Amino acid sequence: MSATRPPADRAAAYAAVQRSPEFTELRSKLHRFVFPTTAFFLAWYFLYVLLAAFAPGFMSTRVVGNINIGLIFGLLQFVTTFAITIAYIRWADRQFDPRAAEIHTMVEREIGGDY
């Protein structure tokens, strides 16, 4: 805790930052990335589960040797997870983190430094 401002002033400063257009925009940008990406991944995952449960004939279709569609779809779940992670990291580095750093600087100015 900083000796320059009492806790009540800090709470007011944090509340002001949360109401700021910069913070609102940052939160909105995060939601615009996270929600569609999550919806896509969940739809893809549930498609895999539903096909495995209700279309075993399709999922057991051999593609090459003992490799079937179910195995390929299962491995693609891992690929999708890594791809989403990489996409998020790149997006955060370009879009999210610089704006978050600006807001962090704004908070430091509002509450007077060390917190």
PDB file of N, CA and C in Angstrom:
ATOM      1  N   MET A   1       0.831  -1.185   0.000  1.00  0.00           N
ATOM      2  CA  MET A   1       0.000   0.000   0.000  1.00  0.00           C
ATOM      3  C   MET A   1       0.870   1.240   0.000  1.00  0.00           C
ATOM      4  N   SER A   2       0.453   2.153  -0.780  1.00  0.00           N
ATOM      5  CA  SER A   2       1.162   3.411  -0.864  1.00  0.00           C
ATOM      6  C   SER A   2       0.755   4.313   0.296  1.00  0.00           C
ATOM      7  N   ALA A   3       1.718   5.025   0.822  1.00  0.00           N
ATOM      8  CA  ALA A   3       1.432   5.935   1.928  1.00  0.00           C
ATOM      9  C   ALA A   3       0.824   7.239   1.423  1.00  0.00           C
ATOM     10  N   THR A   4       0.832   7.456   0.100  1.00  0.00           N
ATOM     11  CA  THR A   4       0.360   8.736  -0.424  1.00  0.00           C
ATOM     12  C   THR A   4      -1.150   8.830  -0.499  1.00  0.00           C
ATOM     13  N   ARG A   5      -1.858   7.688  -0.589  1.00  0.00           N
ATOM     14  CA  ARG A   5      -3.318   7.731  -0.684  1.00  0.00           C
ATOM     15  C   ARG A   5      -3.946   6.683   0.214  1.00  0.00           C
ATOM     16  N   PRO A   6      -5.004   7.043   0.888  1.00  0.00           N
ATOM     17  CA  PRO A   6      -5.708   6.051   1.712  1.00  0.00           C
ATOM     18  C   PRO A   6      -6.476   5.066   0.826  1.00  0.00           C
ATOM     19  N   PRO A   7      -6.846   3.902   1.384  1.00  0.00           N
ATOM     20  CA  PRO A   7      -7.538   2.871   0.609  1.00  0.00           C
ATOM     21  C   PRO A   7      -8.819   3.342  -0.070  1.00  0.00           C
ATOM     22  N   ALA A   8      -9.578   4.252   0.536  1.00  0.00           N
ATOM     23  CA  ALA A   8     -10.823   4.730  -0.071  1.00  0.00           C
ATOM     24  C   ALA A   8     -10.542   5.430  -1.391  1.00  0.00           C
ATOM     25  N   ASP A   9      -9.462   6.209  -1.434  1.00  0.00           N
ATOM     26  CA  ASP A   9      -9.098   6.885  -2.677  1.00  0.00           C
ATOM     27  C   ASP A   9      -8.696   5.871  -3.744  1.00  0.00           C
ATOM     28  N   ARG A  10      -8.039   4.792  -3.334  1.00  0.00           N
ATOM     29  CA  ARG A  10      -7.651   3.746  -4.279  1.00  0.00           C
ATOM     30  C   ARG A  10      -8.884   3.094  -4.885  1.00  0.00           C
ATOM     31  N   ALA A  11      -9.857   2.795  -4.045  1.00  0.00           N
ATOM     32  CA  ALA A  11     -11.078   2.173  -4.541  1.00  0.00           C
ATOM     33  C   ALA A  11     -11.765   3.093  -5.544  1.00  0.00           C
ATOM     34  N   ALA A  12     -11.805   4.373  -5.251  1.00  0.00           N
ATOM     35  CA  ALA A  12     -12.412   5.337  -6.166  1.00  0.00           C
ATOM     36  C   ALA A  12     -11.619   5.415  -7.468  1.00  0.00           C
ATOM     37  N   ALA A  13     -10.291   5.359  -7.356  1.00  0.00           N
ATOM     38  CA  ALA A  13      -9.454   5.408  -8.555  1.00  0.00           C
ATOM     39  C   ALA A  13      -9.683   4.174  -9.418  1.00  0.00           C
ATOM     40  N   TYR A  14      -9.747   2.996  -8.804  1.00  0.00           N
ATOM     41  CA  TYR A  14      -9.989   1.763  -9.563  1.00  0.00           C
ATOM     42  C   TYR A  14     -11.375   1.796 -10.210  1.00  0.00           C
ATOM     43  N   ALA A  15     -12.365   2.281  -9.472  1.00  0.00           N
ATOM     44  CA  ALA A  15     -13.718   2.377 -10.030  1.00  0.00           C
ATOM     45  C   ALA A  15     -13.740   3.335 -11.212  1.00  0.00           C
ATOM     46  N   ALA A  16     -13.009   4.433 -11.108  1.00  0.00           N
ATOM     47  CA  ALA A  16     -12.939   5.398 -12.212  1.00  0.00           C
ATOM     48  C   ALA A  16     -12.297   4.768 -13.442  1.00  0.00           C
ATOM     49  N   VAL A  17     -11.249   4.006 -13.224  1.00  0.00           N
ATOM     50  CA  VAL A  17     -10.592   3.338 -14.352  1.00  0.00           C
ATOM     51  C   VAL A  17     -11.542   2.338 -15.003  1.00  0.00           C
ATOM     52  N   GLN A  18     -12.291   1.596 -14.188  1.00  0.00           N
ATOM     53  CA  GLN A  18     -13.236   0.619 -14.731  1.00  0.00           C
ATOM     54  C   GLN A  18     -14.330   1.291 -15.553  1.00  0.00           C
ATOM     55  N   ARG A  19     -14.680   2.505 -15.225  1.00  0.00           N
ATOM     56  CA  ARG A  19     -15.713   3.231 -15.972  1.00  0.00           C
ATOM     57  C   ARG A  19     -15.141   3.966 -17.178  1.00  0.00           C
ATOM     58  N   SER A  20     -13.826   4.014 -17.292  1.00  0.00           N
ATOM     59  CA  SER A  20     -13.202   4.785 -18.364  1.00  0.00           C
ATOM     60  C   SER A  20     -13.467   4.153 -19.732  1.00  0.00           C
ATOM     61  N   PRO A  21     -13.510   4.972 -20.765  1.00  0.00           N
ATOM     62  CA  PRO A  21     -13.714   4.444 -22.120  1.00  0.00           C
ATOM     63  C   PRO A  21     -12.595   3.496 -22.557  1.00  0.00           C
ATOM     64  N   GLU A  22     -11.385   3.758 -22.087  1.00  0.00           N
ATOM     65  CA  GLU A  22     -10.252   2.893 -22.455  1.00  0.00           C
ATOM     66  C   GLU A  22     -10.442   1.476 -21.912  1.00  0.00           C
ATOM     67  N   PHE A  23     -10.865   1.385 -20.649  1.00  0.00           N
ATOM     68  CA  PHE A  23     -11.066   0.075 -20.038  1.00  0.00           C
ATOM     69  C   PHE A  23     -12.254  -0.632 -20.671  1.00  0.00           C
ATOM     70  N   THR A  24     -13.320   0.111 -20.925  1.00  0.00           N
ATOM     71  CA  THR A  24     -14.505  -0.463 -21.565  1.00  0.00           C
ATOM     72  C   THR A  24     -14.156  -1.005 -22.943  1.00  0.00           C
ATOM     73  N   GLU A  25     -13.366  -0.249 -23.697  1.00  0.00           N
ATOM     74  CA  GLU A  25     -12.935  -0.706 -25.021  1.00  0.00           C
ATOM     75  C   GLU A  25     -12.065  -1.958 -24.909  1.00  0.00           C
ATOM     76  N   LEU A  26     -11.164  -1.973 -23.942  1.00  0.00           N
ATOM     77  CA  LEU A  26     -10.293  -3.136 -23.756  1.00  0.00           C
ATOM     78  C   LEU A  26     -11.103  -4.380 -23.416  1.00  0.00           C
ATOM     79  N   ARG A  27     -12.041  -4.234 -22.513  1.00  0.00           N
ATOM     80  CA  ARG A  27     -12.886  -5.366 -22.140  1.00  0.00           C
ATOM     81  C   ARG A  27     -13.714  -5.834 -23.337  1.00  0.00           C
ATOM     82  N   SER A  28     -14.200  -4.891 -24.121  1.00  0.00           N
ATOM     83  CA  SER A  28     -14.986  -5.222 -25.312  1.00  0.00           C
ATOM     84  C   SER A  28     -14.139  -5.972 -26.338  1.00  0.00           C
ATOM     85  N   LYS A  29     -12.906  -5.522 -26.543  1.00  0.00           N
ATOM     86  CA  LYS A  29     -12.009  -6.215 -27.469  1.00  0.00           C
ATOM     87  C   LYS A  29     -11.744  -7.651 -27.011  1.00  0.00           C
ATOM     88  N   LEU A  30     -11.543  -7.829 -25.723  1.00  0.00           N
ATOM     89  CA  LEU A  30     -11.313  -9.172 -25.197  1.00  0.00           C
ATOM     90  C   LEU A  30     -12.532 -10.050 -25.449  1.00  0.00           C
ATOM     91  N   HIS A  31     -13.711  -9.532 -25.170  1.00  0.00           N
ATOM     92  CA  HIS A  31     -14.931 -10.306 -25.374  1.00  0.00           C
ATOM     93  C   HIS A  31     -15.140 -10.646 -26.847  1.00  0.00           C
ATOM     94  N   ARG A  32     -14.822  -9.701 -27.743  1.00  0.00           N
ATOM     95  CA  ARG A  32     -14.982  -9.960 -29.178  1.00  0.00           C
ATOM     96  C   ARG A  32     -14.045 -11.051 -29.671  1.00  0.00           C
ATOM     97  N   PHE A  33     -12.930 -11.258 -29.002  1.00  0.00           N
ATOM     98  CA  PHE A  33     -12.035 -12.348 -29.381  1.00  0.00           C
ATOM     99  C   PHE A  33     -12.423 -13.644 -28.681  1.00  0.00           C
ATOM    100  N   VAL A  34     -12.631 -13.569 -27.390  1.00  0.00           N
ATOM    101  CA  VAL A  34     -12.803 -14.774 -26.579  1.00  0.00           C
ATOM    102  C   VAL A  34     -14.124 -15.491 -26.849  1.00  0.00           C
ATOM    103  N   PHE A  35     -15.229 -14.767 -26.889  1.00  0.00           N
ATOM    104  CA  PHE A  35     -16.527 -15.437 -27.018  1.00  0.00           C
ATOM    105  C   PHE A  35     -16.696 -16.181 -28.342  1.00  0.00           C
ATOM    106  N   PRO A  36     -16.404 -15.563 -29.502  1.00  0.00           N
ATOM    107  CA  PRO A  36     -16.536 -16.326 -30.744  1.00  0.00           C
ATOM    108  C   PRO A  36     -15.567 -17.503 -30.827  1.00  0.00           C
ATOM    109  N   THR A  37     -14.352 -17.312 -30.320  1.00  0.00           N
ATOM    110  CA  THR A  37     -13.369 -18.387 -30.350  1.00  0.00           C
ATOM    111  C   THR A  37     -13.823 -19.549 -29.469  1.00  0.00           C
ATOM    112  N   THR A  38     -14.338 -19.231 -28.306  1.00  0.00           N
ATOM    113  CA  THR A  38     -14.839 -20.270 -27.407  1.00  0.00           C
ATOM    114  C   THR A  38     -16.037 -20.994 -28.017  1.00  0.00           C
ATOM    115  N   ALA A  39     -16.947 -20.228 -28.614  1.00  0.00           N
ATOM    116  CA  ALA A  39     -18.119 -20.836 -29.251  1.00  0.00           C
ATOM    117  C   ALA A  39     -17.697 -21.768 -30.382  1.00  0.00           C
ATOM    118  N   PHE A  40     -16.740 -21.333 -31.192  1.00  0.00           N
ATOM    119  CA  PHE A  40     -16.247 -22.182 -32.279  1.00  0.00           C
ATOM    120  C   PHE A  40     -15.657 -23.471 -31.724  1.00  0.00           C
ATOM    121  N   PHE A  41     -14.801 -23.343 -30.721  1.00  0.00           N
ATOM    122  CA  PHE A  41     -14.148 -24.534 -30.203  1.00  0.00           C
ATOM    123  C   PHE A  41     -15.153 -25.480 -29.556  1.00  0.00           C
ATOM    124  N   LEU A  42     -16.097 -24.964 -28.798  1.00  0.00           N
ATOM    125  CA  LEU A  42     -17.093 -25.832 -28.170  1.00  0.00           C
ATOM    126  C   LEU A  42     -17.965 -26.537 -29.209  1.00  0.00           C
ATOM    127  N   ALA A  43     -18.337 -25.806 -30.270  1.00  0.00           N
ATOM    128  CA  ALA A  43     -19.117 -26.432 -31.341  1.00  0.00           C
ATOM    129  C   ALA A  43     -18.318 -27.549 -32.002  1.00  0.00           C
ATOM    130  N   TRP A  44     -17.055 -27.299 -32.278  1.00  0.00           N
ATOM    131  CA  TRP A  44     -16.177 -28.297 -32.885  1.00  0.00           C
ATOM    132  C   TRP A  44     -16.013 -29.496 -31.954  1.00  0.00           C
ATOM    133  N   TYR A  45     -15.823 -29.254 -30.667  1.00  0.00           N
ATOM    134  CA  TYR A  45     -15.652 -30.331 -29.705  1.00  0.00           C
ATOM    135  C   TYR A  45     -16.925 -31.176 -29.589  1.00  0.00           C
ATOM    136  N   PHE A  46     -18.074 -30.497 -29.464  1.00  0.00           N
ATOM    137  CA  PHE A  46     -19.322 -31.254 -29.334  1.00  0.00           C
ATOM    138  C   PHE A  46     -19.671 -32.003 -30.611  1.00  0.00           C
ATOM    139  N   LEU A  47     -19.286 -31.466 -31.762  1.00  0.00           N
ATOM    140  CA  LEU A  47     -19.464 -32.212 -33.016  1.00  0.00           C
ATOM    141  C   LEU A  47     -18.678 -33.514 -32.948  1.00  0.00           C
ATOM    142  N   TYR A  48     -17.447 -33.430 -32.476  1.00  0.00           N
ATOM    143  CA  TYR A  48     -16.606 -34.619 -32.333  1.00  0.00           C
ATOM    144  C   TYR A  48     -17.246 -35.632 -31.384  1.00  0.00           C
ATOM    145  N   VAL A  49     -17.706 -35.168 -30.236  1.00  0.00           N
ATOM    146  CA  VAL A  49     -18.322 -36.054 -29.246  1.00  0.00           C
ATOM    147  C   VAL A  49     -19.602 -36.672 -29.800  1.00  0.00           C
ATOM    148  N   LEU A  50     -20.434 -35.848 -30.428  1.00  0.00           N
ATOM    149  CA  LEU A  50     -21.693 -36.362 -30.970  1.00  0.00           C
ATOM    150  C   LEU A  50     -21.457 -37.367 -32.097  1.00  0.00           C
ATOM    151  N   LEU A  51     -20.495 -37.094 -32.962  1.00  0.00           N
ATOM    152  CA  LEU A  51     -20.171 -38.056 -34.016  1.00  0.00           C
ATOM    153  C   LEU A  51     -19.659 -39.363 -33.422  1.00  0.00           C
ATOM    154  N   ALA A  52     -18.832 -39.248 -32.396  1.00  0.00           N
ATOM    155  CA  ALA A  52     -18.315 -40.463 -31.754  1.00  0.00           C
ATOM    156  C   ALA A  52     -19.445 -41.266 -31.121  1.00  0.00           C
ATOM    157  N   ALA A  53     -20.425 -40.581 -30.563  1.00  0.00           N
ATOM    158  CA  ALA A  53     -21.522 -41.273 -29.877  1.00  0.00           C
ATOM    159  C   ALA A  53     -22.585 -41.799 -30.838  1.00  0.00           C
ATOM    160  N   PHE A  54     -22.917 -41.012 -31.858  1.00  0.00           N
ATOM    161  CA  PHE A  54     -24.065 -41.348 -32.693  1.00  0.00           C
ATOM    162  C   PHE A  54     -23.726 -41.743 -34.133  1.00  0.00           C
ATOM    163  N   ALA A  55     -22.465 -41.614 -34.511  1.00  0.00           N
ATOM    164  CA  ALA A  55     -22.070 -42.010 -35.865  1.00  0.00           C
ATOM    165  C   ALA A  55     -20.797 -42.859 -35.816  1.00  0.00           C
ATOM    166  N   PRO A  56     -20.827 -43.957 -35.060  1.00  0.00           N
ATOM    167  CA  PRO A  56     -19.606 -44.764 -34.942  1.00  0.00           C
ATOM    168  C   PRO A  56     -19.168 -45.356 -36.277  1.00  0.00           C
ATOM    169  N   GLY A  57     -20.102 -45.627 -37.153  1.00  0.00           N
ATOM    170  CA  GLY A  57     -19.727 -46.145 -38.468  1.00  0.00           C
ATOM    171  C   GLY A  57     -18.895 -45.145 -39.249  1.00  0.00           C
ATOM    172  N   PHE A  58     -19.327 -43.887 -39.220  1.00  0.00           N
ATOM    173  CA  PHE A  58     -18.575 -42.835 -39.900  1.00  0.00           C
ATOM    174  C   PHE A  58     -17.210 -42.634 -39.252  1.00  0.00           C
ATOM    175  N   MET A  59     -17.195 -42.571 -37.933  1.00  0.00           N
ATOM    176  CA  MET A  59     -15.939 -42.317 -37.216  1.00  0.00           C
ATOM    177  C   MET A  59     -14.950 -43.470 -37.368  1.00  0.00           C
ATOM    178  N   SER A  60     -15.447 -44.671 -37.603  1.00  0.00           N
ATOM    179  CA  SER A  60     -14.538 -45.817 -37.747  1.00  0.00           C
ATOM    180  C   SER A  60     -14.110 -46.048 -39.199  1.00  0.00           C
ATOM    181  N   THR A  61     -14.512 -45.146 -40.096  1.00  0.00           N
ATOM    182  CA  THR A  61     -14.098 -45.255 -41.493  1.00  0.00           C
ATOM    183  C   THR A  61     -12.589 -45.106 -41.590  1.00  0.00           C
ATOM    184  N   ARG A  62     -11.963 -46.112 -42.159  1.00  0.00           N
ATOM    185  CA  ARG A  62     -10.499 -46.079 -42.291  1.00  0.00           C
ATOM    186  C   ARG A  62     -10.085 -45.118 -43.400  1.00  0.00           C
ATOM    187  N   VAL A  63      -9.041 -44.377 -43.108  1.00  0.00           N
ATOM    188  CA  VAL A  63      -8.503 -43.425 -44.075  1.00  0.00           C
ATOM    189  C   VAL A  63      -7.231 -43.987 -44.675  1.00  0.00           C
ATOM    190  N   VAL A  64      -6.301 -44.363 -43.810  1.00  0.00           N
ATOM    191  CA  VAL A  64      -5.035 -44.972 -44.237  1.00  0.00           C
ATOM    192  C   VAL A  64      -4.665 -46.020 -43.195  1.00  0.00           C
ATOM    193  N   GLY A  65      -4.527 -47.245 -43.623  1.00  0.00           N
ATOM    194  CA  GLY A  65      -4.153 -48.318 -42.703  1.00  0.00           C
ATOM    195  C   GLY A  65      -5.152 -48.409 -41.558  1.00  0.00           C
ATOM    196  N   ASN A  66      -4.649 -48.351 -40.312  1.00  0.00           N
ATOM    197  CA  ASN A  66      -5.516 -48.401 -39.125  1.00  0.00           C
ATOM    198  C   ASN A  66      -5.953 -47.023 -38.648  1.00  0.00           C
ATOM    199  N   ILE A  67      -5.645 -45.998 -39.390  1.00  0.00           N
ATOM    200  CA  ILE A  67      -6.023 -44.627 -39.009  1.00  0.00           C
ATOM    201  C   ILE A  67      -7.422 -44.354 -39.541  1.00  0.00           C
ATOM    202  N   ASN A  68      -8.326 -44.035 -38.622  1.00  0.00           N
ATOM    203  CA  ASN A  68      -9.704 -43.774 -39.024  1.00  0.00           C
ATOM    204  C   ASN A  68     -10.075 -42.305 -38.793  1.00  0.00           C
ATOM    205  N   ILE A  69     -11.265 -41.934 -39.220  1.00  0.00           N
ATOM    206  CA  ILE A  69     -11.715 -40.548 -39.098  1.00  0.00           C
ATOM    207  C   ILE A  69     -11.794 -40.120 -37.632  1.00  0.00           C
ATOM    208  N   GLY A  70     -12.237 -41.021 -36.755  1.00  0.00           N
ATOM    209  CA  GLY A  70     -12.316 -40.691 -35.333  1.00  0.00           C
ATOM    210  C   GLY A  70     -10.954 -40.319 -34.752  1.00  0.00           C
ATOM    211  N   LEU A  71      -9.935 -41.051 -35.117  1.00  0.00           N
ATOM    212  CA  LEU A  71      -8.583 -40.749 -34.642  1.00  0.00           C
ATOM    213  C   LEU A  71      -8.114 -39.404 -35.188  1.00  0.00           C
ATOM    214  N   ILE A  72      -8.386 -39.160 -36.451  1.00  0.00           N
ATOM    215  CA  ILE A  72      -7.986 -37.881 -37.047  1.00  0.00           C
ATOM    216  C   ILE A  72      -8.707 -36.725 -36.360  1.00  0.00           C
ATOM    217  N   PHE A  73     -10.033 -36.866 -36.160  1.00  0.00           N
ATOM    218  CA  PHE A  73     -10.775 -35.806 -35.481  1.00  0.00           C
ATOM    219  C   PHE A  73     -10.268 -35.608 -34.049  1.00  0.00           C
ATOM    220  N   GLY A  74      -9.937 -36.680 -33.373  1.00  0.00           N
ATOM    221  CA  GLY A  74      -9.406 -36.579 -32.010  1.00  0.00           C
ATOM    222  C   GLY A  74      -8.084 -35.838 -31.977  1.00  0.00           C
ATOM    223  N   LEU A  75      -7.209 -36.153 -32.915  1.00  0.00           N
ATOM    224  CA  LEU A  75      -5.927 -35.442 -32.977  1.00  0.00           C
ATOM    225  C   LEU A  75      -6.121 -33.984 -33.379  1.00  0.00           C
ATOM    226  N   LEU A  76      -7.112 -33.736 -34.231  1.00  0.00           N
ATOM    227  CA  LEU A  76      -7.382 -32.349 -34.617  1.00  0.00           C
ATOM    228  C   LEU A  76      -7.884 -31.514 -33.444  1.00  0.00           C
ATOM    229  N   GLN A  77      -8.450 -32.147 -32.429  1.00  0.00           N
ATOM    230  CA  GLN A  77      -8.827 -31.415 -31.224  1.00  0.00           C
ATOM    231  C   GLN A  77      -7.591 -30.789 -30.575  1.00  0.00           C
ATOM    232  N   PHE A  78      -6.510 -31.559 -30.531  1.00  0.00           N
ATOM    233  CA  PHE A  78      -5.263 -31.028 -29.972  1.00  0.00           C
ATOM    234  C   PHE A  78      -4.709 -29.918 -30.859  1.00  0.00           C
ATOM    235  N   VAL A  79      -4.726 -30.138 -32.155  1.00  0.00           N
ATOM    236  CA  VAL A  79      -4.232 -29.129 -33.094  1.00  0.00           C
ATOM    237  C   VAL A  79      -5.022 -27.837 -32.939  1.00  0.00           C
ATOM    238  N   THR A  80      -6.343 -27.955 -32.839  1.00  0.00           N
ATOM    239  CA  THR A  80      -7.192 -26.784 -32.666  1.00  0.00           C
ATOM    240  C   THR A  80      -6.869 -26.046 -31.366  1.00  0.00           C
ATOM    241  N   THR A  81      -6.657 -26.786 -30.311  1.00  0.00           N
ATOM    242  CA  THR A  81      -6.322 -26.172 -29.022  1.00  0.00           C
ATOM    243  C   THR A  81      -5.023 -25.372 -29.121  1.00  0.00           C
ATOM    244  N   PHE A  82      -4.003 -25.963 -29.727  1.00  0.00           N
ATOM    245  CA  PHE A  82      -2.733 -25.244 -29.886  1.00  0.00           C
ATOM    246  C   PHE A  82      -2.880 -24.052 -30.818  1.00  0.00           C
ATOM    247  N   ALA A  83      -3.652 -24.202 -31.889  1.00  0.00           N
ATOM    248  CA  ALA A  83      -3.846 -23.099 -32.832  1.00  0.00           C
ATOM    249  C   ALA A  83      -4.551 -21.929 -32.160  1.00  0.00           C
ATOM    250  N   ILE A  84      -5.569 -22.218 -31.364  1.00  0.00           N
ATOM    251  CA  ILE A  84      -6.281 -21.151 -30.653  1.00  0.00           C
ATOM    252  C   ILE A  84      -5.346 -20.469 -29.658  1.00  0.00           C
ATOM    253  N   THR A  85      -4.532 -21.252 -28.981  1.00  0.00           N
ATOM    254  CA  THR A  85      -3.579 -20.677 -28.022  1.00  0.00           C
ATOM    255  C   THR A  85      -2.593 -19.757 -28.723  1.00  0.00           C
ATOM    256  N   ILE A  86      -2.051 -20.197 -29.835  1.00  0.00           N
ATOM    257  CA  ILE A  86      -1.096 -19.380 -30.599  1.00  0.00           C
ATOM    258  C   ILE A  86      -1.778 -18.120 -31.114  1.00  0.00           C
ATOM    259  N   ALA A  87      -3.002 -18.264 -31.642  1.00  0.00           N
ATOM    260  CA  ALA A  87      -3.731 -17.101 -32.149  1.00  0.00           C
ATOM    261  C   ALA A  87      -3.988 -16.097 -31.027  1.00  0.00           C
ATOM    262  N   TYR A  88      -4.352 -16.598 -29.839  1.00  0.00           N
ATOM    263  CA  TYR A  88      -4.612 -15.696 -28.716  1.00  0.00           C
ATOM    264  C   TYR A  88      -3.331 -14.968 -28.293  1.00  0.00           C
ATOM    265  N   ILE A  89      -2.246 -15.687 -28.217  1.00  0.00           N
ATOM    266  CA  ILE A  89      -0.972 -15.063 -27.819  1.00  0.00           C
ATOM    267  C   ILE A  89      -0.591 -13.967 -28.795  1.00  0.00           C
ATOM    268  N   ARG A  90      -0.700 -14.251 -30.081  1.00  0.00           N
ATOM    269  CA  ARG A  90      -0.361 -13.240 -31.092  1.00  0.00           C
ATOM    270  C   ARG A  90      -1.307 -12.052 -31.016  1.00  0.00           C
ATOM    271  N   TRP A  91      -2.602 -12.331 -30.868  1.00  0.00           N
ATOM    272  CA  TRP A  91      -3.578 -11.258 -30.776  1.00  0.00           C
ATOM    273  C   TRP A  91      -3.317 -10.412 -29.525  1.00  0.00           C
ATOM    274  N   ALA A  92      -3.074 -11.079 -28.402  1.00  0.00           N
ATOM    275  CA  ALA A  92      -2.830 -10.346 -27.151  1.00  0.00           C
ATOM    276  C   ALA A  92      -1.574  -9.484 -27.264  1.00  0.00           C
ATOM    277  N   ASP A  93      -0.531 -10.014 -27.866  1.00  0.00           N
ATOM    278  CA  ASP A  93       0.705  -9.235 -28.026  1.00  0.00           C
ATOM    279  C   ASP A  93       0.484  -7.976 -28.861  1.00  0.00           C
ATOM    280  N   ARG A  94      -0.363  -8.091 -29.908  1.00  0.00           N
ATOM    281  CA  ARG A  94      -0.596  -6.953 -30.804  1.00  0.00           C
ATOM    282  C   ARG A  94      -1.690  -6.021 -30.315  1.00  0.00           C
ATOM    283  N   GLN A  95      -2.794  -6.566 -29.828  1.00  0.00           N
ATOM    284  CA  GLN A  95      -3.984  -5.775 -29.556  1.00  0.00           C
ATOM    285  C   GLN A  95      -4.232  -5.493 -28.075  1.00  0.00           C
ATOM    286  N   PHE A  96      -4.126  -6.523 -27.265  1.00  0.00           N
ATOM    287  CA  PHE A  96      -4.583  -6.432 -25.882  1.00  0.00           C
ATOM    288  C   PHE A  96      -3.525  -5.875 -24.938  1.00  0.00           C
ATOM    289  N   ASP A  97      -2.357  -6.448 -24.953  1.00  0.00           N
ATOM    290  CA  ASP A  97      -1.310  -6.076 -23.988  1.00  0.00           C
ATOM    291  C   ASP A  97      -0.888  -4.612 -24.065  1.00  0.00           C
ATOM    292  N   PRO A  98      -0.702  -4.029 -25.268  1.00  0.00           N
ATOM    293  CA  PRO A  98      -0.335  -2.607 -25.286  1.00  0.00           C
ATOM    294  C   PRO A  98      -1.397  -1.709 -24.650  1.00  0.00           C
ATOM    295  N   ARG A  99      -2.665  -2.008 -24.908  1.00  0.00           N
ATOM    296  CA  ARG A  99      -3.730  -1.201 -24.304  1.00  0.00           C
ATOM    297  C   ARG A  99      -3.819  -1.445 -22.804  1.00  0.00           C
ATOM    298  N   ALA A 100      -3.604  -2.677 -22.387  1.00  0.00           N
ATOM    299  CA  ALA A 100      -3.612  -2.980 -20.951  1.00  0.00           C
ATOM    300  C   ALA A 100      -2.479  -2.240 -20.251  1.00  0.00           C
ATOM    301  N   ALA A 101      -1.339  -2.140 -20.903  1.00  0.00           N
ATOM    302  CA  ALA A 101      -0.210  -1.399 -20.319  1.00  0.00           C
ATOM    303  C   ALA A 101      -0.549   0.086 -20.181  1.00  0.00           C
ATOM    304  N   GLU A 102      -1.263   0.638 -21.167  1.00  0.00           N
ATOM    305  CA  GLU A 102      -1.682   2.039 -21.075  1.00  0.00           C
ATOM    306  C   GLU A 102      -2.628   2.243 -19.893  1.00  0.00           C
ATOM    307  N   ILE A 103      -3.547   1.316 -19.719  1.00  0.00           N
ATOM    308  CA  ILE A 103      -4.485   1.416 -18.592  1.00  0.00           C
ATOM    309  C   ILE A 103      -3.742   1.252 -17.274  1.00  0.00           C
ATOM    310  N   HIS A 104      -2.763   0.363 -17.248  1.00  0.00           N
ATOM    311  CA  HIS A 104      -1.945   0.177 -16.043  1.00  0.00           C
ATOM    312  C   HIS A 104      -1.244   1.485 -15.679  1.00  0.00           C
ATOM    313  N   THR A 105      -0.704   2.162 -16.670  1.00  0.00           N
ATOM    314  CA  THR A 105      -0.050   3.444 -16.440  1.00  0.00           C
ATOM    315  C   THR A 105      -1.055   4.465 -15.912  1.00  0.00           C
ATOM    316  N   MET A 106      -2.280   4.437 -16.459  1.00  0.00           N
ATOM    317  CA  MET A 106      -3.324   5.342 -16.007  1.00  0.00           C
ATOM    318  C   MET A 106      -3.662   5.070 -14.537  1.00  0.00           C
ATOM    319  N   VAL A 107      -3.735   3.808 -14.150  1.00  0.00           N
ATOM    320  CA  VAL A 107      -4.018   3.452 -12.760  1.00  0.00           C
ATOM    321  C   VAL A 107      -2.894   3.947 -11.859  1.00  0.00           C
ATOM    322  N   GLU A 108      -1.662   3.748 -12.281  1.00  0.00           N
ATOM    323  CA  GLU A 108      -0.534   4.214 -11.468  1.00  0.00           C
ATOM    324  C   GLU A 108      -0.604   5.720 -11.255  1.00  0.00           C
ATOM    325  N   ARG A 109      -0.971   6.458 -12.305  1.00  0.00           N
ATOM    326  CA  ARG A 109      -1.102   7.921 -12.159  1.00  0.00           C
ATOM    327  C   ARG A 109      -2.234   8.273 -11.195  1.00  0.00           C
ATOM    328  N   GLU A 110      -3.340   7.538 -11.285  1.00  0.00           N
ATOM    329  CA  GLU A 110      -4.498   7.837 -10.445  1.00  0.00           C
ATOM    330  C   GLU A 110      -4.222   7.577  -8.963  1.00  0.00           C
ATOM    331  N   ILE A 111      -3.535   6.465  -8.660  1.00  0.00           N
ATOM    332  CA  ILE A 111      -3.364   6.128  -7.249  1.00  0.00           C
ATOM    333  C   ILE A 111      -2.015   6.552  -6.703  1.00  0.00           C
ATOM    334  N   GLY A 112      -1.180   7.103  -7.552  1.00  0.00           N
ATOM    335  CA  GLY A 112       0.052   7.683  -7.052  1.00  0.00           C
ATOM    336  C   GLY A 112       1.221   6.718  -6.956  1.00  0.00           C
ATOM    337  N   GLY A 113       1.357   5.828  -7.917  1.00  0.00           N
ATOM    338  CA  GLY A 113       2.559   5.011  -7.972  1.00  0.00           C
ATOM    339  C   GLY A 113       2.386   3.606  -7.434  1.00  0.00           C
ATOM    340  N   ASP A 114       3.208   3.260  -6.464  1.00  0.00           N
ATOM    341  CA  ASP A 114       3.329   1.883  -5.969  1.00  0.00           C
ATOM    342  C   ASP A 114       2.030   1.384  -5.356  1.00  0.00           C
ATOM    343  N   TYR A 115       1.576   0.246  -5.844  1.00  0.00           N
ATOM    344  CA  TYR A 115       0.383  -0.382  -5.256  1.00  0.00           C
ATOM    345  C   TYR A 115       0.635  -1.822  -5.194  1.00  0.00           C
TER     346      TYR A 115
END
